[in-house]
Amino acid sequence: MARKFDIPEFYKSPVISRVKAYRQMQDMRKRDLSPSVLDFGPVRFLLARHFGFCFGVENAIEIAYRTREEHPARRIYFLNEMIHNPNVNNDLKDRGVEFIFDPYGMQLIPWNYLAPEDIVVVPAFGTTVEIQEALASRGIDAYTYNTTCPFVERVWNRSAKLGESGFTVVVHGNDTHQETRATFSHSVRNAPTVVVLDMEEAHLLADVIRGKAERRIFYERFAHKCSEGFDPDRHLHRIGIVNQTTMLATETRHIAKVLRDALADRYGEENIRKHYADTSDTLCYATNENQNATYVLIEQDADLALVVGGYNSSNTSHIVELCLEQMPTYFIKGADEIRSESLIRHFSLETKKAALTTDWLPDKRPLIVALTSGASCPDAIVDAVLLRVLSFFEPTRSLDDVLACYA
């Protein structure tokens, strides 16, 4: 049986949580990826089969709130945002928690301000070895209040084993993201390491492996995100690929295939096991489930999609990317972003800024709205978004009537 976490009641919801619980009971093996349908008459919502809090996020939230409750008189710090959701982080701030770093790595509270009796909580993304050592020098054990996601730690463990076996670690991730910075820091202790962002960089690295690209090309693109002393002539003949757990799993697989093919071309398919380590089992199951559910969701011919989550959330951004390929999609952090039935404020992945869009809600009836969220978004926030959109339609079936089939 799956572990049950003690999550604050205000993060749960009477609508989304009920639907999720019903689907879980009906499909314990999670084989049915079809979306849940909430048909209110003039508007119909399609809820992705999987979305919202994952194991790692629930674990982090449980530890965070329990720590605050058990130590009301002590100063409590988070290294940085526990998860990439502004509502969760703002609530913790309101409870007196402070953040040592901002999401971009800028230090807000100097180390010399901390005392041994202070509590420092490591976020779900984990942290670097350097930060662990800085805390230890202040008499603070980074592992006492550690919310690092177990799946992130699994990536670290596999990276260490790859290094022990003489393999170089290729990390599919964004080198500025907290999780990738942490993974890189742990990996370089045991193995030459390089970070690859996307398919373009994967093909460039493949050209280096095949000997078709000069060393200069490698350093121009990867010098700022490879381990010290990295030598492409020596360190790219045996590799294993791990990822930032919030990246698109399909892209990680494609990158792995590109690099595996390059190694096979250079050293021969018959020798591939000596040069390529299969690490596909390190992919985060929750991220994979959410993305697979999104693929099925966008096949349903919805008129638009609403994706709810923090604007700096990597996994949410990738869900938005998938939806944008099929339909008008609005990336919002909460119901307040829906200003009216004719005006919505949303985050643009292209400009990396908030944008205002008018006439976003089509006149079509019944209107079909695909609704999902990132892994760090509470169900209660998705509930509020659904109810906000529903308020623009009348007459509609009652909520009790619509939810009757999910009892």
Protein backbone atom coordinates (compact mmCIF):
# COMPACT_ATOMS: atom_id res chain seq x y z
CA MET A 1 0.00 0.00 0.00
CA ALA A 2 1.26 3.48 -0.85
CA ARG A 3 2.47 5.54 2.07
CA LYS A 4 0.05 8.18 3.36
CA PHE A 5 1.56 11.57 4.18
CA ASP A 6 0.29 14.05 6.73
CA ILE A 7 -0.50 16.98 4.46
CA PRO A 8 -2.24 20.13 5.83
CA GLU A 9 -5.98 19.98 5.16
CA PHE A 10 -5.97 23.36 3.39
CA TYR A 11 -3.91 21.82 0.57
CA LYS A 12 -6.58 19.20 -0.07
CA SER A 13 -9.78 19.78 -2.00
CA PRO A 14 -13.41 18.63 -2.08
CA VAL A 15 -13.36 18.23 -5.87
CA ILE A 16 -9.93 17.20 -7.19
CA SER A 17 -8.96 15.05 -4.22
CA ARG A 18 -12.30 13.22 -4.44
CA VAL A 19 -11.85 12.47 -8.13
CA LYS A 20 -8.27 11.31 -7.59
CA ALA A 21 -9.27 9.01 -4.74
CA TYR A 22 -12.00 7.43 -6.86
CA ARG A 23 -9.70 6.89 -9.83
CA GLN A 24 -7.08 5.34 -7.57
CA MET A 25 -9.59 2.89 -6.13
CA GLN A 26 -10.88 1.94 -9.58
CA ASP A 27 -7.43 1.63 -11.15
CA MET A 28 -4.90 0.56 -8.52
CA ARG A 29 -2.32 -0.38 -11.15
CA LYS A 30 -2.66 2.99 -12.90
CA ARG A 31 -3.15 1.45 -16.31
CA ASP A 32 -5.98 3.76 -17.41
CA LEU A 33 -4.53 7.11 -18.45
CA SER A 34 -7.79 8.53 -19.78
CA PRO A 35 -8.75 11.86 -18.19
CA SER A 36 -11.56 12.23 -15.67
CA VAL A 37 -14.60 14.09 -17.03
CA LEU A 38 -16.56 16.66 -15.04
CA ASP A 39 -19.53 17.61 -17.21
CA PHE A 40 -21.34 20.72 -15.98
CA GLY A 41 -23.39 21.14 -19.15
CA PRO A 42 -22.17 24.31 -20.91
CA VAL A 43 -18.58 23.58 -19.80
CA ARG A 44 -16.83 20.25 -19.48
CA PHE A 45 -13.53 19.78 -17.66
CA LEU A 46 -11.08 17.05 -18.57
CA LEU A 47 -8.77 16.33 -15.63
CA ALA A 48 -5.48 14.62 -16.40
CA ARG A 49 -5.25 11.14 -14.88
CA HIS A 50 -2.11 12.10 -12.96
CA PHE A 51 -1.09 15.55 -11.73
CA GLY A 52 -0.35 17.44 -8.54
CA PHE A 53 1.65 16.47 -5.47
CA CYS A 54 4.03 13.57 -6.02
CA PHE A 55 5.71 11.35 -3.40
CA GLY A 56 8.75 13.63 -3.06
CA VAL A 57 6.67 16.79 -2.68
CA GLU A 58 4.31 15.26 -0.11
CA ASN A 59 7.31 13.97 1.83
CA ALA A 60 8.89 17.44 1.81
CA ILE A 61 5.69 19.18 2.88
CA GLU A 62 5.09 16.73 5.72
CA ILE A 63 8.63 17.24 7.07
CA ALA A 64 8.47 21.02 6.64
CA TYR A 65 5.24 21.55 8.56
CA ARG A 66 6.08 18.97 11.21
CA THR A 67 9.43 20.69 11.81
CA ARG A 68 7.76 24.07 12.26
CA GLU A 69 5.12 22.60 14.60
CA GLU A 70 7.59 20.68 16.76
CA HIS A 71 10.04 23.59 17.15
CA PRO A 72 7.93 26.75 17.56
CA ALA A 73 10.63 28.66 19.47
CA ARG A 74 13.62 27.90 17.21
CA ARG A 75 14.75 29.75 14.11
CA ILE A 76 13.97 27.66 11.04
CA TYR A 77 15.53 28.20 7.63
CA PHE A 78 15.06 26.56 4.28
CA LEU A 79 18.09 26.54 2.02
CA ASN A 80 15.82 27.78 -0.78
CA GLU A 81 12.30 27.19 -2.02
CA MET A 82 11.19 23.82 -0.70
CA ILE A 83 9.28 23.18 -3.91
CA HIS A 84 8.56 25.46 -6.85
CA ASN A 85 5.13 26.66 -5.80
CA PRO A 86 4.61 30.22 -4.52
CA ASN A 87 1.55 29.36 -2.42
CA VAL A 88 3.38 26.69 -0.42
CA ASN A 89 6.51 28.79 0.03
CA ASN A 90 4.56 31.92 1.01
CA ASP A 91 2.60 29.96 3.60
CA LEU A 92 5.84 28.74 5.15
CA LYS A 93 7.15 32.32 5.22
CA ASP A 94 3.98 33.40 7.00
CA ARG A 95 4.79 30.78 9.64
CA GLY A 96 8.19 32.33 10.28
CA VAL A 97 10.38 30.22 8.01
CA GLU A 98 13.17 32.11 6.21
CA PHE A 99 15.03 31.21 3.02
CA ILE A 100 18.83 31.29 2.83
CA PHE A 101 18.98 31.38 -0.99
CA ASP A 102 16.60 32.67 -3.62
CA PRO A 103 15.60 30.31 -6.49
CA TYR A 104 18.50 31.57 -8.62
CA GLY A 105 21.22 30.78 -6.10
CA MET A 106 21.70 34.27 -4.64
CA GLN A 107 22.46 34.05 -0.92
CA LEU A 108 20.01 36.08 1.17
CA ILE A 109 21.25 35.13 4.64
CA PRO A 110 25.03 34.88 5.26
CA TRP A 111 26.44 31.73 6.80
CA ASN A 112 27.86 33.62 9.78
CA TYR A 113 24.32 34.57 10.78
CA LEU A 114 23.49 30.93 11.50
CA ALA A 115 24.06 29.27 14.88
CA PRO A 116 24.36 25.57 15.81
CA GLU A 117 20.92 25.63 17.46
CA ASP A 118 19.24 26.85 14.27
CA ILE A 119 17.31 24.41 12.08
CA VAL A 120 18.11 24.30 8.38
CA VAL A 121 15.81 22.25 6.14
CA VAL A 122 17.14 20.86 2.85
CA PRO A 123 14.50 21.20 0.09
CA ALA A 124 13.07 18.46 -2.12
CA PHE A 125 15.63 19.26 -4.84
CA GLY A 126 18.50 18.41 -2.51
CA THR A 127 21.58 20.55 -2.17
CA THR A 128 25.25 20.66 -3.08
CA VAL A 129 28.12 19.08 -1.18
CA GLU A 130 29.62 22.56 -0.77
CA ILE A 131 26.51 23.82 1.02
CA GLN A 132 26.43 20.74 3.22
CA GLU A 133 30.02 21.46 4.22
CA ALA A 134 29.24 25.14 4.88
CA LEU A 135 26.43 24.11 7.22
CA ALA A 136 28.66 21.56 8.96
CA SER A 137 31.22 24.28 9.61
CA ARG A 138 28.49 26.16 11.52
CA GLY A 139 27.65 23.06 13.58
CA ILE A 140 24.47 22.28 11.59
CA ASP A 141 23.80 18.81 10.20
CA ALA A 142 22.12 19.10 6.79
CA TYR A 143 20.72 15.59 7.11
CA THR A 144 18.72 16.10 10.32
CA TYR A 145 15.91 17.91 8.49
CA ASN A 146 16.37 16.62 4.99
CA THR A 147 13.44 16.61 2.53
CA THR A 148 15.48 15.61 -0.53
CA CYS A 149 13.28 13.55 -2.84
CA PRO A 150 14.22 9.85 -2.74
CA PHE A 151 14.22 9.79 -6.54
CA VAL A 152 16.77 12.60 -6.64
CA GLU A 153 18.92 10.66 -4.21
CA ARG A 154 18.58 7.61 -6.43
CA VAL A 155 20.08 9.62 -9.28
CA TRP A 156 22.98 10.61 -7.03
CA ASN A 157 23.58 7.00 -6.00
CA ARG A 158 23.57 5.79 -9.59
CA SER A 159 25.98 8.59 -10.57
CA ALA A 160 28.36 7.46 -7.85
CA LYS A 161 28.22 3.85 -9.05
CA LEU A 162 28.83 4.95 -12.63
CA GLY A 163 31.94 6.80 -11.51
CA GLU A 164 33.17 3.82 -9.51
CA SER A 165 32.83 1.71 -12.67
CA GLY A 166 34.85 4.15 -14.76
CA PHE A 167 31.95 5.83 -16.55
CA THR A 168 31.46 9.53 -17.20
CA VAL A 169 28.11 10.94 -16.06
CA VAL A 170 26.01 12.95 -18.51
CA VAL A 171 23.25 14.86 -16.70
CA HIS A 172 20.21 15.84 -18.75
CA GLY A 173 19.15 19.04 -17.02
CA ASN A 174 19.30 22.80 -16.73
CA ASP A 175 22.64 23.69 -15.14
CA THR A 176 21.04 26.66 -13.31
CA HIS A 177 18.28 24.57 -11.70
CA GLN A 178 18.71 23.76 -7.99
CA GLU A 179 18.36 20.04 -8.53
CA THR A 180 20.90 19.86 -11.36
CA ARG A 181 23.36 21.98 -9.39
CA ALA A 182 23.00 19.50 -6.52
CA THR A 183 23.30 16.44 -8.77
CA PHE A 184 26.37 17.89 -10.49
CA SER A 185 28.03 18.65 -7.15
CA HIS A 186 27.53 15.08 -5.93
CA SER A 187 28.45 13.48 -9.24
CA VAL A 188 31.81 15.22 -9.71
CA ARG A 189 33.02 13.62 -6.47
CA ASN A 190 33.09 10.27 -8.24
CA ALA A 191 33.04 10.84 -11.98
CA PRO A 192 33.81 13.25 -14.80
CA THR A 193 30.47 14.99 -15.37
CA VAL A 194 28.87 17.15 -18.04
CA VAL A 195 25.38 18.68 -18.21
CA VAL A 196 23.34 18.52 -21.43
CA LEU A 197 20.26 20.73 -21.73
CA ASP A 198 18.45 19.50 -24.82
CA MET A 199 18.57 17.56 -28.09
CA GLU A 200 20.67 20.24 -29.78
CA GLU A 201 23.41 19.85 -27.18
CA ALA A 202 23.04 16.06 -27.31
CA HIS A 203 23.73 16.04 -31.06
CA LEU A 204 26.73 18.33 -30.54
CA LEU A 205 28.10 15.98 -27.89
CA ALA A 206 27.45 13.05 -30.22
CA ASP A 207 29.55 14.76 -32.89
CA VAL A 208 32.35 15.14 -30.35
CA ILE A 209 32.10 11.43 -29.52
CA ARG A 210 32.28 10.50 -33.21
CA GLY A 211 35.25 12.81 -33.68
CA LYS A 212 33.34 15.06 -36.06
CA ALA A 213 33.52 18.15 -33.83
CA GLU A 214 36.66 19.82 -32.55
CA ARG A 215 37.52 20.06 -28.85
CA ARG A 216 37.04 23.81 -29.20
CA ILE A 217 33.35 23.26 -29.99
CA PHE A 218 32.93 21.19 -26.84
CA TYR A 219 34.48 23.82 -24.59
CA GLU A 220 32.55 26.67 -26.21
CA ARG A 221 29.27 25.00 -25.26
CA PHE A 222 30.08 22.96 -22.16
CA ALA A 223 33.06 24.59 -20.41
CA HIS A 224 30.81 26.21 -17.78
CA LYS A 225 28.95 22.99 -17.05
CA CYS A 226 31.47 20.19 -16.98
CA SER A 227 33.72 18.99 -14.19
CA GLU A 228 37.16 20.49 -13.69
CA GLY A 229 39.74 18.91 -16.00
CA PHE A 230 37.10 17.36 -18.25
CA ASP A 231 38.80 16.05 -21.38
CA PRO A 232 36.39 15.12 -24.20
CA ASP A 233 39.06 12.92 -25.80
CA ARG A 234 39.32 10.78 -22.65
CA HIS A 235 36.04 11.17 -20.82
CA LEU A 236 33.44 10.50 -23.51
CA HIS A 237 34.33 6.92 -24.41
CA ARG A 238 32.27 5.42 -21.53
CA ILE A 239 29.13 7.24 -20.41
CA GLY A 240 25.88 6.88 -18.48
CA ILE A 241 22.96 9.33 -18.65
CA VAL A 242 20.96 10.50 -15.64
CA ASN A 243 18.50 13.35 -15.51
CA GLN A 244 17.08 16.22 -13.56
CA THR A 245 13.93 14.42 -12.47
CA THR A 246 11.62 17.21 -13.68
CA MET A 247 12.80 17.10 -17.30
CA LEU A 248 10.74 15.45 -20.04
CA ALA A 249 11.37 11.72 -19.71
CA THR A 250 10.86 11.27 -23.45
CA GLU A 251 13.59 13.81 -24.14
CA THR A 252 15.96 12.05 -21.72
CA ARG A 253 15.34 8.81 -23.62
CA HIS A 254 15.97 10.52 -26.97
CA ILE A 255 19.18 12.09 -25.68
CA ALA A 256 20.30 8.70 -24.38
CA LYS A 257 19.64 7.12 -27.79
CA VAL A 258 21.55 9.86 -29.63
CA LEU A 259 24.60 9.37 -27.42
CA ARG A 260 24.34 5.58 -27.46
CA ASP A 261 24.19 5.59 -31.28
CA ALA A 262 27.29 7.81 -31.38
CA LEU A 263 29.18 5.38 -29.16
CA ALA A 264 28.04 2.43 -31.28
CA ASP A 265 29.22 4.20 -34.43
CA ARG A 266 32.64 4.81 -32.94
CA TYR A 267 33.27 1.60 -31.04
CA GLY A 268 30.93 -0.89 -32.71
CA GLU A 269 27.54 -2.22 -31.62
CA GLU A 270 29.19 -5.41 -30.42
CA ASN A 271 31.17 -3.39 -27.84
CA ILE A 272 28.39 -1.06 -26.71
CA ARG A 273 28.08 -2.53 -23.21
CA LYS A 274 31.64 -1.48 -22.50
CA HIS A 275 30.89 2.10 -23.46
CA TYR A 276 27.25 2.78 -22.57
CA ALA A 277 25.50 2.18 -19.23
CA ASP A 278 21.72 1.77 -19.29
CA THR A 279 20.33 4.05 -16.58
CA SER A 280 16.70 4.22 -17.71
CA ASP A 281 15.52 2.97 -14.32
CA THR A 282 16.57 6.27 -12.70
CA LEU A 283 13.76 8.21 -14.41
CA CYS A 284 11.28 9.58 -11.85
CA TYR A 285 8.08 7.52 -11.99
CA ALA A 286 5.87 10.47 -10.91
CA THR A 287 7.21 12.83 -13.57
CA ASN A 288 6.82 10.06 -16.11
CA GLU A 289 3.22 9.36 -15.03
CA ASN A 290 2.26 13.03 -15.19
CA GLN A 291 3.79 13.43 -18.64
CA ASN A 292 2.20 10.25 -19.99
CA ALA A 293 -1.18 11.39 -18.64
CA THR A 294 -0.66 14.72 -20.39
CA TYR A 295 -0.04 13.00 -23.73
CA VAL A 296 -3.41 11.26 -23.40
CA LEU A 297 -5.11 14.45 -22.17
CA ILE A 298 -4.10 16.47 -25.22
CA GLU A 299 -5.50 13.82 -27.55
CA GLN A 300 -9.05 14.55 -26.35
CA ASP A 301 -9.80 17.55 -28.60
CA ALA A 302 -10.21 20.07 -25.80
CA ASP A 303 -10.76 23.70 -26.78
CA LEU A 304 -8.09 25.03 -24.42
CA ALA A 305 -5.85 23.94 -21.57
CA LEU A 306 -5.20 25.45 -18.16
CA VAL A 307 -1.98 24.30 -16.50
CA VAL A 308 -1.57 25.36 -12.88
CA GLY A 309 1.76 25.71 -11.08
CA GLY A 310 4.67 27.90 -10.07
CA TYR A 311 6.20 29.83 -12.93
CA ASN A 312 9.69 28.61 -12.03
CA SER A 313 8.56 24.98 -11.92
CA SER A 314 10.46 22.91 -14.46
CA ASN A 315 8.06 19.95 -14.55
CA THR A 316 5.06 22.28 -14.95
CA SER A 317 6.76 24.11 -17.82
CA HIS A 318 7.25 20.84 -19.67
CA ILE A 319 3.55 19.99 -19.28
CA VAL A 320 2.74 23.42 -20.72
CA GLU A 321 5.04 22.72 -23.68
CA LEU A 322 3.17 19.50 -24.44
CA CYS A 323 -0.24 21.17 -24.26
CA LEU A 324 0.84 24.11 -26.41
CA GLU A 325 1.56 21.72 -29.26
CA GLN A 326 -2.14 20.84 -29.45
CA MET A 327 -4.26 23.75 -28.22
CA PRO A 328 -4.32 27.27 -26.73
CA THR A 329 -2.75 26.83 -23.30
CA TYR A 330 -2.56 29.16 -20.32
CA PHE A 331 0.06 28.63 -17.62
CA ILE A 332 -1.33 30.16 -14.42
CA LYS A 333 -0.25 30.02 -10.79
CA GLY A 334 -3.78 30.23 -9.38
CA ALA A 335 -7.38 31.32 -9.79
CA ASP A 336 -6.53 34.99 -9.22
CA GLU A 337 -4.80 35.03 -12.60
CA ILE A 338 -8.21 34.56 -14.24
CA ARG A 339 -9.30 38.20 -14.10
CA SER A 340 -12.57 37.74 -15.98
CA GLU A 341 -14.12 35.64 -18.72
CA SER A 342 -12.43 37.98 -21.19
CA LEU A 343 -9.05 38.55 -19.51
CA ILE A 344 -6.42 36.14 -18.17
CA ARG A 345 -2.92 36.72 -16.86
CA HIS A 346 -0.55 33.86 -17.59
CA PHE A 347 3.12 33.04 -17.94
CA SER A 348 4.68 32.91 -21.40
CA LEU A 349 7.38 30.28 -21.83
CA GLU A 350 8.63 32.15 -24.89
CA THR A 351 9.22 35.53 -23.24
CA LYS A 352 9.68 34.20 -19.67
CA LYS A 353 7.32 36.93 -18.52
CA ALA A 354 3.70 37.25 -17.45
CA ALA A 355 1.31 38.22 -20.24
CA LEU A 356 -2.30 39.37 -20.48
CA THR A 357 -4.58 37.75 -23.04
CA THR A 358 -8.06 38.99 -23.90
CA ASP A 359 -10.96 36.94 -25.25
CA TRP A 360 -9.28 33.80 -23.97
CA LEU A 361 -12.53 31.94 -23.27
CA PRO A 362 -14.19 30.78 -26.52
CA ASP A 363 -17.95 31.17 -27.04
CA LYS A 364 -18.28 27.52 -28.04
CA ARG A 365 -20.81 25.46 -26.06
CA PRO A 366 -20.24 23.05 -24.58
CA LEU A 367 -16.72 24.29 -23.99
CA ILE A 368 -14.15 21.61 -23.24
CA VAL A 369 -11.33 22.65 -20.89
CA ALA A 370 -8.29 20.43 -20.25
CA LEU A 371 -7.08 20.98 -16.70
CA THR A 372 -3.88 19.79 -15.05
CA SER A 373 -1.06 21.00 -12.83
CA GLY A 374 2.57 20.52 -11.92
CA ALA A 375 3.87 18.12 -9.28
CA SER A 376 4.26 20.87 -6.68
CA CYS A 377 0.75 22.33 -6.99
CA PRO A 378 -1.81 21.63 -4.24
CA ASP A 379 -5.15 20.18 -5.34
CA ALA A 380 -6.93 23.02 -3.54
CA ILE A 381 -5.45 25.53 -6.00
CA VAL A 382 -6.64 23.49 -8.97
CA ASP A 383 -10.07 23.34 -7.32
CA ALA A 384 -10.16 27.13 -7.12
CA VAL A 385 -9.22 27.43 -10.80
CA LEU A 386 -11.99 25.02 -11.82
CA LEU A 387 -14.59 26.87 -9.75
CA ARG A 388 -13.44 30.23 -11.08
CA VAL A 389 -13.94 29.11 -14.68
CA LEU A 390 -17.24 27.46 -13.79
CA SER A 391 -18.53 30.78 -12.42
CA PHE A 392 -18.60 32.19 -15.97
CA PHE A 393 -21.24 29.68 -17.09
CA GLU A 394 -24.93 29.29 -16.36
CA PRO A 395 -27.05 27.38 -15.91
CA THR A 396 -24.81 24.49 -14.88
CA ARG A 397 -25.33 21.15 -13.21
CA SER A 398 -24.68 21.21 -9.48
CA LEU A 399 -21.31 20.14 -8.13
CA ASP A 400 -22.93 17.34 -6.12
CA ASP A 401 -24.64 16.03 -9.25
CA VAL A 402 -21.43 16.08 -11.30
CA LEU A 403 -19.39 14.42 -8.57
CA ALA A 404 -21.97 11.72 -7.89
CA CYS A 405 -20.25 9.33 -10.27
CA TYR A 406 -17.00 9.72 -8.27
CA ALA A 407 -18.52 8.58 -4.96
